[in-house]
Amino acid sequence: MRIAKSITLTSEECEHLQAWSRGSTTAYRLVLRSRMILLAAEGKENKEIAAQLGCNVKTVGQ
């Protein structure tokens, strides 16, 4: 299965993504995308990210 593209995040970018991923008033689309990026930065495969987040593999790969 495809591994998500290699992503290197600065500490500031990581902090922003983590804040968005936990935001109770943040739009769901932004929460989901933030979580995807954080998991991809950990080197997870697309199918692992999709399974963990409960979404479609195609959504992860977009």
PDB file of N, CA and C in Angstrom:
ATOM      1  N   MET A   1       0.859  -1.187   0.000  1.00  0.00           N
ATOM      2  CA  MET A   1       0.000   0.000   0.000  1.00  0.00           C
ATOM      3  C   MET A   1       0.889   1.228   0.000  1.00  0.00           C
ATOM      4  N   ARG A   2       0.338   2.292  -0.484  1.00  0.00           N
ATOM      5  CA  ARG A   2       1.100   3.543  -0.579  1.00  0.00           C
ATOM      6  C   ARG A   2       1.359   4.156   0.780  1.00  0.00           C
ATOM      7  N   ILE A   3       2.585   4.568   0.958  1.00  0.00           N
ATOM      8  CA  ILE A   3       2.932   5.344   2.143  1.00  0.00           C
ATOM      9  C   ILE A   3       2.688   6.803   1.785  1.00  0.00           C
ATOM     10  N   ALA A   4       2.131   7.533   2.716  1.00  0.00           N
ATOM     11  CA  ALA A   4       1.867   8.944   2.469  1.00  0.00           C
ATOM     12  C   ALA A   4       3.178   9.643   2.127  1.00  0.00           C
ATOM     13  N   LYS A   5       3.088  10.692   1.340  1.00  0.00           N
ATOM     14  CA  LYS A   5       4.286  11.444   0.963  1.00  0.00           C
ATOM     15  C   LYS A   5       5.020  11.895   2.210  1.00  0.00           C
ATOM     16  N   SER A   6       6.332  11.883   2.104  1.00  0.00           N
ATOM     17  CA  SER A   6       7.168  12.299   3.224  1.00  0.00           C
ATOM     18  C   SER A   6       6.905  13.768   3.544  1.00  0.00           C
ATOM     19  N   ILE A   7       6.616  14.017   4.795  1.00  0.00           N
ATOM     20  CA  ILE A   7       6.311  15.374   5.238  1.00  0.00           C
ATOM     21  C   ILE A   7       7.212  15.699   6.414  1.00  0.00           C
ATOM     22  N   THR A   8       7.871  16.836   6.330  1.00  0.00           N
ATOM     23  CA  THR A   8       8.680  17.318   7.438  1.00  0.00           C
ATOM     24  C   THR A   8       8.024  18.582   7.961  1.00  0.00           C
ATOM     25  N   LEU A   9       7.690  18.556   9.229  1.00  0.00           N
ATOM     26  CA  LEU A   9       7.005  19.694   9.841  1.00  0.00           C
ATOM     27  C   LEU A   9       7.930  20.416  10.805  1.00  0.00           C
ATOM     28  N   THR A  10       7.840  21.723  10.821  1.00  0.00           N
ATOM     29  CA  THR A  10       8.550  22.489  11.844  1.00  0.00           C
ATOM     30  C   THR A  10       7.765  22.334  13.144  1.00  0.00           C
ATOM     31  N   SER A  11       8.377  22.690  14.239  1.00  0.00           N
ATOM     32  CA  SER A  11       7.671  22.584  15.521  1.00  0.00           C
ATOM     33  C   SER A  11       6.458  23.507  15.541  1.00  0.00           C
ATOM     34  N   GLU A  12       6.575  24.650  14.914  1.00  0.00           N
ATOM     35  CA  GLU A  12       5.453  25.596  14.861  1.00  0.00           C
ATOM     36  C   GLU A  12       4.296  25.021  14.042  1.00  0.00           C
ATOM     37  N   GLU A  13       4.605  24.427  12.887  1.00  0.00           N
ATOM     38  CA  GLU A  13       3.575  23.809  12.060  1.00  0.00           C
ATOM     39  C   GLU A  13       2.900  22.668  12.808  1.00  0.00           C
ATOM     40  N   CYS A  14       3.696  21.874  13.489  1.00  0.00           N
ATOM     41  CA  CYS A  14       3.162  20.749  14.253  1.00  0.00           C
ATOM     42  C   CYS A  14       2.212  21.240  15.358  1.00  0.00           C
ATOM     43  N   GLU A  15       2.596  22.297  16.025  1.00  0.00           N
ATOM     44  CA  GLU A  15       1.749  22.863  17.092  1.00  0.00           C
ATOM     45  C   GLU A  15       0.419  23.350  16.526  1.00  0.00           C
ATOM     46  N   HIS A  16       0.463  24.029  15.375  1.00  0.00           N
ATOM     47  CA  HIS A  16      -0.770  24.520  14.751  1.00  0.00           C
ATOM     48  C   HIS A  16      -1.677  23.350  14.362  1.00  0.00           C
ATOM     49  N   LEU A  17      -1.101  22.334  13.742  1.00  0.00           N
ATOM     50  CA  LEU A  17      -1.894  21.178  13.317  1.00  0.00           C
ATOM     51  C   LEU A  17      -2.492  20.453  14.518  1.00  0.00           C
ATOM     52  N   GLN A  18      -1.723  20.319  15.574  1.00  0.00           N
ATOM     53  CA  GLN A  18      -2.244  19.657  16.776  1.00  0.00           C
ATOM     54  C   GLN A  18      -3.381  20.458  17.387  1.00  0.00           C
ATOM     55  N   ALA A  19      -3.247  21.763  17.400  1.00  0.00           N
ATOM     56  CA  ALA A  19      -4.320  22.612  17.942  1.00  0.00           C
ATOM     57  C   ALA A  19      -5.578  22.480  17.096  1.00  0.00           C
ATOM     58  N   TRP A  20      -5.419  22.521  15.768  1.00  0.00           N
ATOM     59  CA  TRP A  20      -6.575  22.379  14.891  1.00  0.00           C
ATOM     60  C   TRP A  20      -7.203  21.002  15.030  1.00  0.00           C
ATOM     61  N   SER A  21      -6.395  19.970  15.197  1.00  0.00           N
ATOM     62  CA  SER A  21      -6.928  18.611  15.269  1.00  0.00           C
ATOM     63  C   SER A  21      -7.736  18.377  16.550  1.00  0.00           C
ATOM     64  N   ARG A  22      -7.536  19.218  17.555  1.00  0.00           N
ATOM     65  CA  ARG A  22      -8.264  19.083  18.820  1.00  0.00           C
ATOM     66  C   ARG A  22      -9.374  20.120  18.986  1.00  0.00           C
ATOM     67  N   GLY A  23      -9.474  21.035  18.035  1.00  0.00           N
ATOM     68  CA  GLY A  23     -10.416  22.140  18.162  1.00  0.00           C
ATOM     69  C   GLY A  23     -11.871  21.698  18.134  1.00  0.00           C
ATOM     70  N   SER A  24     -12.611  22.069  19.150  1.00  0.00           N
ATOM     71  CA  SER A  24     -14.028  21.693  19.210  1.00  0.00           C
ATOM     72  C   SER A  24     -14.887  22.612  18.333  1.00  0.00           C
ATOM     73  N   THR A  25     -14.373  23.790  17.999  1.00  0.00           N
ATOM     74  CA  THR A  25     -15.124  24.694  17.141  1.00  0.00           C
ATOM     75  C   THR A  25     -14.509  24.789  15.737  1.00  0.00           C
ATOM     76  N   THR A  26     -13.458  23.995  15.504  1.00  0.00           N
ATOM     77  CA  THR A  26     -12.807  23.970  14.193  1.00  0.00           C
ATOM     78  C   THR A  26     -13.645  23.132  13.239  1.00  0.00           C
ATOM     79  N   ALA A  27     -13.721  23.555  11.988  1.00  0.00           N
ATOM     80  CA  ALA A  27     -14.477  22.813  10.978  1.00  0.00           C
ATOM     81  C   ALA A  27     -13.945  21.378  10.893  1.00  0.00           C
ATOM     82  N   TYR A  28     -14.870  20.419  10.782  1.00  0.00           N
ATOM     83  CA  TYR A  28     -14.485  19.005  10.762  1.00  0.00           C
ATOM     84  C   TYR A  28     -13.485  18.710   9.654  1.00  0.00           C
ATOM     85  N   ARG A  29     -13.672  19.328   8.507  1.00  0.00           N
ATOM     86  CA  ARG A  29     -12.763  19.099   7.378  1.00  0.00           C
ATOM     87  C   ARG A  29     -11.317  19.467   7.747  1.00  0.00           C
ATOM     88  N   LEU A  30     -11.140  20.578   8.451  1.00  0.00           N
ATOM     89  CA  LEU A  30      -9.809  21.012   8.880  1.00  0.00           C
ATOM     90  C   LEU A  30      -9.253  20.092   9.962  1.00  0.00           C
ATOM     91  N   VAL A  31     -10.112  19.650  10.871  1.00  0.00           N
ATOM     92  CA  VAL A  31      -9.692  18.707  11.913  1.00  0.00           C
ATOM     93  C   VAL A  31      -9.178  17.420  11.270  1.00  0.00           C
ATOM     94  N   LEU A  32      -9.955  16.877  10.342  1.00  0.00           N
ATOM     95  CA  LEU A  32      -9.591  15.628   9.685  1.00  0.00           C
ATOM     96  C   LEU A  32      -8.296  15.780   8.894  1.00  0.00           C
ATOM     97  N   ARG A  33      -8.170  16.837   8.114  1.00  0.00           N
ATOM     98  CA  ARG A  33      -6.969  17.046   7.307  1.00  0.00           C
ATOM     99  C   ARG A  33      -5.747  17.246   8.195  1.00  0.00           C
ATOM    100  N   SER A  34      -5.900  17.943   9.299  1.00  0.00           N
ATOM    101  CA  SER A  34      -4.788  18.140  10.234  1.00  0.00           C
ATOM    102  C   SER A  34      -4.312  16.812  10.795  1.00  0.00           C
ATOM    103  N   ARG A  35      -5.253  15.969  11.170  1.00  0.00           N
ATOM    104  CA  ARG A  35      -4.886  14.648  11.699  1.00  0.00           C
ATOM    105  C   ARG A  35      -4.191  13.807  10.639  1.00  0.00           C
ATOM    106  N   MET A  36      -4.663  13.878   9.400  1.00  0.00           N
ATOM    107  CA  MET A  36      -4.028  13.138   8.311  1.00  0.00           C
ATOM    108  C   MET A  36      -2.579  13.575   8.128  1.00  0.00           C
ATOM    109  N   ILE A  37      -2.350  14.872   8.133  1.00  0.00           N
ATOM    110  CA  ILE A  37      -0.997  15.395   7.930  1.00  0.00           C
ATOM    111  C   ILE A  37      -0.085  14.963   9.070  1.00  0.00           C
ATOM    112  N   LEU A  38      -0.579  15.033  10.292  1.00  0.00           N
ATOM    113  CA  LEU A  38       0.241  14.618  11.440  1.00  0.00           C
ATOM    114  C   LEU A  38       0.610  13.134  11.355  1.00  0.00           C
ATOM    115  N   LEU A  39      -0.337  12.294  10.967  1.00  0.00           N
ATOM    116  CA  LEU A  39      -0.053  10.865  10.837  1.00  0.00           C
ATOM    117  C   LEU A  39       0.885  10.587   9.665  1.00  0.00           C
ATOM    118  N   ALA A  40       0.722  11.323   8.576  1.00  0.00           N
ATOM    119  CA  ALA A  40       1.624  11.164   7.433  1.00  0.00           C
ATOM    120  C   ALA A  40       3.045  11.572   7.809  1.00  0.00           C
ATOM    121  N   ALA A  41       3.166  12.591   8.638  1.00  0.00           N
ATOM    122  CA  ALA A  41       4.485  13.034   9.088  1.00  0.00           C
ATOM    123  C   ALA A  41       5.165  11.968   9.949  1.00  0.00           C
ATOM    124  N   GLU A  42       4.371  11.084  10.548  1.00  0.00           N
ATOM    125  CA  GLU A  42       4.915   9.970  11.329  1.00  0.00           C
ATOM    126  C   GLU A  42       5.327   8.804  10.432  1.00  0.00           C
ATOM    127  N   GLY A  43       5.031   8.903   9.122  1.00  0.00           N
ATOM    128  CA  GLY A  43       5.408   7.859   8.174  1.00  0.00           C
ATOM    129  C   GLY A  43       4.389   6.738   8.029  1.00  0.00           C
ATOM    130  N   LYS A  44       3.159   6.994   8.442  1.00  0.00           N
ATOM    131  CA  LYS A  44       2.100   5.981   8.337  1.00  0.00           C
ATOM    132  C   LYS A  44       1.680   5.779   6.888  1.00  0.00           C
ATOM    133  N   GLU A  45       1.205   4.576   6.577  1.00  0.00           N
ATOM    134  CA  GLU A  45       0.659   4.280   5.255  1.00  0.00           C
ATOM    135  C   GLU A  45      -0.734   4.879   5.146  1.00  0.00           C
ATOM    136  N   ASN A  46      -1.136   5.168   3.915  1.00  0.00           N
ATOM    137  CA  ASN A  46      -2.462   5.742   3.679  1.00  0.00           C
ATOM    138  C   ASN A  46      -3.568   4.877   4.276  1.00  0.00           C
ATOM    139  N   LYS A  47      -3.447   3.550   4.120  1.00  0.00           N
ATOM    140  CA  LYS A  47      -4.501   2.671   4.650  1.00  0.00           C
ATOM    141  C   LYS A  47      -4.543   2.714   6.178  1.00  0.00           C
ATOM    142  N   GLU A  48      -3.392   2.875   6.828  1.00  0.00           N
ATOM    143  CA  GLU A  48      -3.365   2.993   8.290  1.00  0.00           C
ATOM    144  C   GLU A  48      -4.031   4.294   8.737  1.00  0.00           C
ATOM    145  N   ILE A  49      -3.724   5.361   8.018  1.00  0.00           N
ATOM    146  CA  ILE A  49      -4.313   6.661   8.346  1.00  0.00           C
ATOM    147  C   ILE A  49      -5.834   6.602   8.193  1.00  0.00           C
ATOM    148  N   ALA A  50      -6.288   6.032   7.081  1.00  0.00           N
ATOM    149  CA  ALA A  50      -7.726   5.917   6.835  1.00  0.00           C
ATOM    150  C   ALA A  50      -8.410   5.087   7.912  1.00  0.00           C
ATOM    151  N   ALA A  51      -7.806   3.960   8.282  1.00  0.00           N
ATOM    152  CA  ALA A  51      -8.397   3.097   9.305  1.00  0.00           C
ATOM    153  C   ALA A  51      -8.455   3.805  10.656  1.00  0.00           C
ATOM    154  N   GLN A  52      -7.398   4.491  11.007  1.00  0.00           N
ATOM    155  CA  GLN A  52      -7.346   5.174  12.300  1.00  0.00           C
ATOM    156  C   GLN A  52      -8.354   6.319  12.382  1.00  0.00           C
ATOM    157  N   LEU A  53      -8.556   6.998  11.253  1.00  0.00           N
ATOM    158  CA  LEU A  53      -9.455   8.152  11.255  1.00  0.00           C
ATOM    159  C   LEU A  53     -10.874   7.816  10.803  1.00  0.00           C
ATOM    160  N   GLY A  54     -11.080   6.582  10.357  1.00  0.00           N
ATOM    161  CA  GLY A  54     -12.402   6.172   9.942  1.00  0.00           C
ATOM    162  C   GLY A  54     -12.872   6.827   8.651  1.00  0.00           C
ATOM    163  N   CYS A  55     -11.940   7.004   7.721  1.00  0.00           N
ATOM    164  CA  CYS A  55     -12.307   7.613   6.449  1.00  0.00           C
ATOM    165  C   CYS A  55     -11.799   6.733   5.309  1.00  0.00           C
ATOM    166  N   ASN A  56     -12.071   7.147   4.081  1.00  0.00           N
ATOM    167  CA  ASN A  56     -11.711   6.393   2.903  1.00  0.00           C
ATOM    168  C   ASN A  56     -10.243   6.626   2.544  1.00  0.00           C
ATOM    169  N   VAL A  57      -9.584   5.586   2.009  1.00  0.00           N
ATOM    170  CA  VAL A  57      -8.176   5.712   1.601  1.00  0.00           C
ATOM    171  C   VAL A  57      -8.028   6.779   0.524  1.00  0.00           C
ATOM    172  N   LYS A  58      -9.021   6.920  -0.345  1.00  0.00           N
ATOM    173  CA  LYS A  58      -8.959   7.950  -1.393  1.00  0.00           C
ATOM    174  C   LYS A  58      -8.957   9.350  -0.791  1.00  0.00           C
ATOM    175  N   THR A  59      -9.661   9.509   0.296  1.00  0.00           N
ATOM    176  CA  THR A  59      -9.678  10.807   0.973  1.00  0.00           C
ATOM    177  C   THR A  59      -8.298  11.146   1.489  1.00  0.00           C
ATOM    178  N   VAL A  60      -7.617  10.172   2.031  1.00  0.00           N
ATOM    179  CA  VAL A  60      -6.267  10.374   2.561  1.00  0.00           C
ATOM    180  C   VAL A  60      -5.298  10.725   1.442  1.00  0.00           C
ATOM    181  N   GLY A  61      -5.442  10.080   0.297  1.00  0.00           N
ATOM    182  CA  GLY A  61      -4.526  10.263  -0.803  1.00  0.00           C
ATOM    183  C   GLY A  61      -4.707  11.533  -1.609  1.00  0.00           C
ATOM    184  N   GLN A  62      -5.739  12.295  -1.319  1.00  0.00           N
ATOM    185  CA  GLN A  62      -5.997  13.510  -2.099  1.00  0.00           C
ATOM    186  C   GLN A  62      -5.131  14.648  -1.670  1.00  0.00           C
TER     187      GLN A  62
END
